[in-house]
Amino acid sequence: MVSRHIKGHTVSKGQGTGNALVCTEPISFLGGIDPETGIILKGECKGKSVAGKVLVFPSGMGSTVGSYVIYQMAKNGVAPCAIINLETEPIVAVGAVISGIPLIDKLEENLFDVIHDGDKVLVDASKGYIEVQ
């Protein structure tokens, strides 16, 4: 398989590589993910772990405390290695920045068309692109 570079918009700089966990529904980090384990508690991806994954989802939702849930996951070693959104909202953006998690959004192609669950993905948010391997 040939890898593809897809440009996007940098929200939080950094680089991360991992297998994609694709959720097509918005995620609320407060009450939606266990900050101790990184396990998703609600929605279509319920029961799956975000730990060490490239977490792909359309956008966040819910309380501003969600930013600190992301930070707590990072402190507990169960955060995603990178995040890709259709369009990032402030809760996820702040959480990624304070946690040092690379985050990119607004890809030049529909992320759900090019990234599938389990794909190996490199996120280079410092240079503004992803690579699906």
C-alpha atoms as a PDB file:
ATOM      1  CA  MET A   1       0.000   0.000   0.000  1.00  0.00           C
ATOM      2  CA  VAL A   2       1.280   3.445  -0.914  1.00  0.00           C
ATOM      3  CA  SER A   3       1.194   6.046   1.849  1.00  0.00           C
ATOM      4  CA  ARG A   4      -0.686   9.287   1.249  1.00  0.00           C
ATOM      5  CA  HIS A   5       0.131  12.781   2.530  1.00  0.00           C
ATOM      6  CA  ILE A   6      -2.953  14.876   3.236  1.00  0.00           C
ATOM      7  CA  LYS A   7      -2.661  18.513   4.264  1.00  0.00           C
ATOM      8  CA  GLY A   8      -4.601  19.966   7.151  1.00  0.00           C
ATOM      9  CA  HIS A   9      -4.741  22.799   9.673  1.00  0.00           C
ATOM     10  CA  THR A  10      -2.513  22.638  12.758  1.00  0.00           C
ATOM     11  CA  VAL A  11      -4.281  23.142  16.087  1.00  0.00           C
ATOM     12  CA  SER A  12      -1.645  21.701  18.464  1.00  0.00           C
ATOM     13  CA  LYS A  13       1.901  21.106  17.207  1.00  0.00           C
ATOM     14  CA  GLY A  14       3.773  17.855  17.498  1.00  0.00           C
ATOM     15  CA  GLN A  15       4.023  14.465  15.872  1.00  0.00           C
ATOM     16  CA  GLY A  16       2.400  11.150  16.695  1.00  0.00           C
ATOM     17  CA  THR A  17       2.070   7.790  14.976  1.00  0.00           C
ATOM     18  CA  GLY A  18      -0.362   5.041  15.805  1.00  0.00           C
ATOM     19  CA  ASN A  19      -3.310   2.976  14.722  1.00  0.00           C
ATOM     20  CA  ALA A  20      -6.454   4.966  14.043  1.00  0.00           C
ATOM     21  CA  LEU A  21      -9.504   4.720  16.265  1.00  0.00           C
ATOM     22  CA  VAL A  22     -12.279   6.174  14.107  1.00  0.00           C
ATOM     23  CA  CYS A  23     -15.488   7.409  15.740  1.00  0.00           C
ATOM     24  CA  THR A  24     -17.995   9.155  13.459  1.00  0.00           C
ATOM     25  CA  GLU A  25     -19.895  10.781  16.355  1.00  0.00           C
ATOM     26  CA  PRO A  26     -18.765  13.822  18.393  1.00  0.00           C
ATOM     27  CA  ILE A  27     -17.074  12.937  21.692  1.00  0.00           C
ATOM     28  CA  SER A  28     -17.682  14.494  25.096  1.00  0.00           C
ATOM     29  CA  PHE A  29     -14.580  13.959  27.187  1.00  0.00           C
ATOM     30  CA  LEU A  30     -16.347  14.774  30.469  1.00  0.00           C
ATOM     31  CA  GLY A  31     -18.344  11.633  31.180  1.00  0.00           C
ATOM     32  CA  GLY A  32     -17.627  10.164  27.758  1.00  0.00           C
ATOM     33  CA  ILE A  33     -14.121   8.807  28.392  1.00  0.00           C
ATOM     34  CA  ASP A  34     -12.705   7.407  31.622  1.00  0.00           C
ATOM     35  CA  PRO A  35      -9.635   9.558  32.416  1.00  0.00           C
ATOM     36  CA  GLU A  36      -8.092   6.739  34.476  1.00  0.00           C
ATOM     37  CA  THR A  37      -8.241   4.088  31.740  1.00  0.00           C
ATOM     38  CA  GLY A  38      -8.791   5.924  28.429  1.00  0.00           C
ATOM     39  CA  ILE A  39     -11.835   3.729  27.712  1.00  0.00           C
ATOM     40  CA  ILE A  40     -14.719   5.356  25.817  1.00  0.00           C
ATOM     41  CA  LEU A  41     -17.889   5.089  27.903  1.00  0.00           C
ATOM     42  CA  LYS A  42     -20.582   6.188  25.450  1.00  0.00           C
ATOM     43  CA  GLY A  43     -21.516   6.095  21.783  1.00  0.00           C
ATOM     44  CA  GLU A  44     -20.486   3.922  18.864  1.00  0.00           C
ATOM     45  CA  CYS A  45     -16.910   3.437  20.142  1.00  0.00           C
ATOM     46  CA  LYS A  46     -18.011   2.452  23.662  1.00  0.00           C
ATOM     47  CA  GLY A  47     -15.561   0.032  25.277  1.00  0.00           C
ATOM     48  CA  LYS A  48     -12.595   0.953  23.065  1.00  0.00           C
ATOM     49  CA  SER A  49      -9.398   2.485  24.421  1.00  0.00           C
ATOM     50  CA  VAL A  50      -7.977   5.757  23.071  1.00  0.00           C
ATOM     51  CA  ALA A  51      -4.593   5.108  24.731  1.00  0.00           C
ATOM     52  CA  GLY A  52      -1.770   5.414  22.202  1.00  0.00           C
ATOM     53  CA  LYS A  53      -4.193   5.687  19.285  1.00  0.00           C
ATOM     54  CA  VAL A  54      -4.680   8.363  16.653  1.00  0.00           C
ATOM     55  CA  LEU A  55      -8.171   9.385  17.721  1.00  0.00           C
ATOM     56  CA  VAL A  56     -10.282  10.408  14.726  1.00  0.00           C
ATOM     57  CA  PHE A  57     -13.667  12.038  15.349  1.00  0.00           C
ATOM     58  CA  PRO A  58     -15.671  14.957  13.932  1.00  0.00           C
ATOM     59  CA  SER A  59     -15.534  17.326  16.930  1.00  0.00           C
ATOM     60  CA  GLY A  60     -15.849  17.508  20.677  1.00  0.00           C
ATOM     61  CA  MET A  61     -18.891  18.523  22.658  1.00  0.00           C
ATOM     62  CA  GLY A  62     -19.901  19.141  26.225  1.00  0.00           C
ATOM     63  CA  SER A  63     -18.406  20.874  29.218  1.00  0.00           C
ATOM     64  CA  THR A  64     -15.234  22.933  29.236  1.00  0.00           C
ATOM     65  CA  VAL A  65     -14.004  20.549  31.938  1.00  0.00           C
ATOM     66  CA  GLY A  66     -13.377  18.162  29.016  1.00  0.00           C
ATOM     67  CA  SER A  67     -10.079  20.000  28.402  1.00  0.00           C
ATOM     68  CA  TYR A  68      -8.870  18.919  31.827  1.00  0.00           C
ATOM     69  CA  VAL A  69     -10.090  15.346  31.273  1.00  0.00           C
ATOM     70  CA  ILE A  70      -7.786  15.205  28.232  1.00  0.00           C
ATOM     71  CA  TYR A  71      -4.964  16.586  30.399  1.00  0.00           C
ATOM     72  CA  GLN A  72      -5.693  14.002  33.114  1.00  0.00           C
ATOM     73  CA  MET A  73      -5.590  11.199  30.510  1.00  0.00           C
ATOM     74  CA  ALA A  74      -2.167  12.454  29.390  1.00  0.00           C
ATOM     75  CA  LYS A  75      -0.919  12.515  32.990  1.00  0.00           C
ATOM     76  CA  ASN A  76      -2.229   8.956  33.472  1.00  0.00           C
ATOM     77  CA  GLY A  77      -0.535   7.709  30.289  1.00  0.00           C
ATOM     78  CA  VAL A  78      -3.828   6.782  28.584  1.00  0.00           C
ATOM     79  CA  ALA A  79      -4.236   9.689  26.138  1.00  0.00           C
ATOM     80  CA  PRO A  80      -4.290   9.362  22.357  1.00  0.00           C
ATOM     81  CA  CYS A  81      -0.910   9.882  20.659  1.00  0.00           C
ATOM     82  CA  ALA A  82      -2.596  12.332  18.256  1.00  0.00           C
ATOM     83  CA  ILE A  83      -6.047  13.647  17.347  1.00  0.00           C
ATOM     84  CA  ILE A  84      -7.641  14.373  13.966  1.00  0.00           C
ATOM     85  CA  ASN A  85     -10.963  16.257  13.756  1.00  0.00           C
ATOM     86  CA  LEU A  86     -13.202  17.445  10.961  1.00  0.00           C
ATOM     87  CA  GLU A  87     -13.303  20.763  12.818  1.00  0.00           C
ATOM     88  CA  THR A  88     -11.875  21.242  16.292  1.00  0.00           C
ATOM     89  CA  GLU A  89     -13.771  23.233  18.867  1.00  0.00           C
ATOM     90  CA  PRO A  90     -12.149  25.038  21.828  1.00  0.00           C
ATOM     91  CA  ILE A  91     -12.594  22.275  24.448  1.00  0.00           C
ATOM     92  CA  VAL A  92     -10.573  19.713  22.482  1.00  0.00           C
ATOM     93  CA  ALA A  93      -8.102  22.354  21.250  1.00  0.00           C
ATOM     94  CA  VAL A  94      -7.237  23.524  24.771  1.00  0.00           C
ATOM     95  CA  GLY A  95      -7.029  19.948  26.051  1.00  0.00           C
ATOM     96  CA  ALA A  96      -4.619  18.958  23.288  1.00  0.00           C
ATOM     97  CA  VAL A  97      -2.435  22.049  23.702  1.00  0.00           C
ATOM     98  CA  ILE A  98      -2.063  21.752  27.498  1.00  0.00           C
ATOM     99  CA  SER A  99      -1.451  18.001  27.161  1.00  0.00           C
ATOM    100  CA  GLY A 100       1.084  18.192  24.321  1.00  0.00           C
ATOM    101  CA  ILE A 101      -1.080  16.066  22.009  1.00  0.00           C
ATOM    102  CA  PRO A 102      -0.639  16.766  18.272  1.00  0.00           C
ATOM    103  CA  LEU A 103      -3.956  17.856  16.778  1.00  0.00           C
ATOM    104  CA  ILE A 104      -4.884  18.610  13.195  1.00  0.00           C
ATOM    105  CA  ASP A 105      -8.225  19.387  11.559  1.00  0.00           C
ATOM    106  CA  LYS A 106      -9.764  20.646   8.311  1.00  0.00           C
ATOM    107  CA  LEU A 107      -8.032  18.082   6.104  1.00  0.00           C
ATOM    108  CA  GLU A 108      -8.050  18.766   2.369  1.00  0.00           C
ATOM    109  CA  GLU A 109      -9.982  15.491   1.977  1.00  0.00           C
ATOM    110  CA  ASN A 110     -12.836  14.058   4.063  1.00  0.00           C
ATOM    111  CA  LEU A 111     -11.075  12.279   6.911  1.00  0.00           C
ATOM    112  CA  PHE A 112     -13.720   9.523   7.053  1.00  0.00           C
ATOM    113  CA  ASP A 113     -13.030   8.689   3.391  1.00  0.00           C
ATOM    114  CA  VAL A 114      -9.252   8.362   3.829  1.00  0.00           C
ATOM    115  CA  ILE A 115      -8.801   7.000   7.384  1.00  0.00           C
ATOM    116  CA  HIS A 116     -10.296   3.712   8.497  1.00  0.00           C
ATOM    117  CA  ASP A 117     -10.298   2.061  11.903  1.00  0.00           C
ATOM    118  CA  GLY A 118      -6.942   0.354  12.463  1.00  0.00           C
ATOM    119  CA  ASP A 119      -5.035   2.209   9.720  1.00  0.00           C
ATOM    120  CA  LYS A 120      -1.536   3.275  10.712  1.00  0.00           C
ATOM    121  CA  VAL A 121      -1.465   7.078  10.654  1.00  0.00           C
ATOM    122  CA  LEU A 122       1.337   9.594  11.134  1.00  0.00           C
ATOM    123  CA  VAL A 123       0.147  13.004  12.305  1.00  0.00           C
ATOM    124  CA  ASP A 124       2.700  15.768  11.783  1.00  0.00           C
ATOM    125  CA  ALA A 125       0.809  18.720  13.176  1.00  0.00           C
ATOM    126  CA  SER A 126       3.989  20.830  13.227  1.00  0.00           C
ATOM    127  CA  LYS A 127       4.163  20.658   9.425  1.00  0.00           C
ATOM    128  CA  GLY A 128       0.391  20.485   8.883  1.00  0.00           C
ATOM    129  CA  TYR A 129      -0.197  17.080   7.328  1.00  0.00           C
ATOM    130  CA  ILE A 130      -1.112  13.486   8.035  1.00  0.00           C
ATOM    131  CA  GLU A 131       0.177  10.372   6.337  1.00  0.00           C
ATOM    132  CA  VAL A 132      -2.019   7.291   6.050  1.00  0.00           C
ATOM    133  CA  GLN A 133       0.312   4.310   5.706  1.00  0.00           C
END
